[in-house]
C-alpha atoms as a PDB file:
ATOM      1  CA  MET A   1     143.644  47.643 -26.615  1.00  0.00           C
ATOM      2  CA  LYS A   2     141.074  47.094 -29.593  1.00  0.00           C
ATOM      3  CA  LYS A   3     139.354  50.165 -28.656  1.00  0.00           C
ATOM      4  CA  LEU A   4     142.432  52.916 -28.840  1.00  0.00           C
ATOM      5  CA  MET A   5     143.431  51.030 -32.160  1.00  0.00           C
ATOM      6  CA  THR A   6     140.063  51.485 -33.518  1.00  0.00           C
ATOM      7  CA  LYS A   7     140.103  54.954 -32.220  1.00  0.00           C
ATOM      8  CA  GLN A   8     142.915  55.605 -34.128  1.00  0.00           C
ATOM      9  CA  GLY A   9     141.846  53.916 -37.698  1.00  0.00           C
ATOM     10  CA  VAL A  10     143.365  50.510 -37.340  1.00  0.00           C
ATOM     11  CA  GLU A  11     140.627  47.885 -39.008  1.00  0.00           C
ATOM     12  CA  HIS A  12     141.202  44.586 -36.629  1.00  0.00           C
ATOM     13  CA  TYR A  13     140.388  40.853 -38.191  1.00  0.00           C
ATOM     14  CA  SER A  14     141.193  37.204 -37.393  1.00  0.00           C
ATOM     15  CA  MET A  15     142.908  35.010 -40.007  1.00  0.00           C
ATOM     16  CA  GLY A  16     143.705  31.834 -38.130  1.00  0.00           C
ATOM     17  CA  SER A  17     146.569  30.106 -37.657  1.00  0.00           C
ATOM     18  CA  ALA A  18     146.811  28.886 -40.995  1.00  0.00           C
ATOM     19  CA  GLY A  19     146.509  32.397 -42.106  1.00  0.00           C
ATOM     20  CA  LEU A  20     149.193  33.542 -39.957  1.00  0.00           C
ATOM     21  CA  ALA A  21     151.728  30.925 -41.300  1.00  0.00           C
ATOM     22  CA  LYS A  22     150.960  31.698 -44.910  1.00  0.00           C
ATOM     23  CA  LEU A  23     151.430  35.731 -44.605  1.00  0.00           C
ATOM     24  CA  LEU A  24     154.518  35.025 -42.599  1.00  0.00           C
ATOM     25  CA  LYS A  25     155.855  32.941 -45.492  1.00  0.00           C
ATOM     26  CA  ALA A  26     154.694  35.422 -48.238  1.00  0.00           C
ATOM     27  CA  ASP A  27     156.512  38.334 -46.133  1.00  0.00           C
ATOM     28  CA  ILE A  28     160.173  35.826 -45.451  1.00  0.00           C
ATOM     29  CA  GLN A  29     159.723  34.819 -49.504  1.00  0.00           C
ATOM     30  CA  ASN A  30     159.688  38.950 -50.015  1.00  0.00           C
ATOM     31  CA  TYR A  31     162.081  40.450 -47.727  1.00  0.00           C
ATOM     32  CA  GLN A  32     164.397  37.229 -49.078  1.00  0.00           C
ATOM     33  CA  SER A  33     164.081  38.908 -52.514  1.00  0.00           C
ATOM     34  CA  VAL A  34     164.625  42.655 -51.456  1.00  0.00           C
ATOM     35  CA  PHE A  35     167.230  41.760 -49.357  1.00  0.00           C
ATOM     36  CA  LYS A  36     169.348  39.287 -52.417  1.00  0.00           C
ATOM     37  CA  THR A  37     168.564  42.385 -54.895  1.00  0.00           C
ATOM     38  CA  ALA A  38     169.771  44.988 -52.239  1.00  0.00           C
ATOM     39  CA  GLY A  39     173.169  42.547 -51.805  1.00  0.00           C
ATOM     40  CA  ILE A  40     172.689  42.246 -47.988  1.00  0.00           C
ATOM     41  CA  PRO A  41     173.978  39.195 -46.679  1.00  0.00           C
ATOM     42  CA  ALA A  42     171.849  36.871 -45.054  1.00  0.00           C
ATOM     43  CA  GLN A  43     172.436  36.191 -41.052  1.00  0.00           C
END
């Protein structure tokens, strides 16, 4: 899979579990804001 993704131009890197947790937290906050602005209720 790594070889196929590299061939398609995807750059891979490792961020570790703390980095992933930080990224996910930021994504959740961003999407909450987007949904609120769009008037989409939480389910």
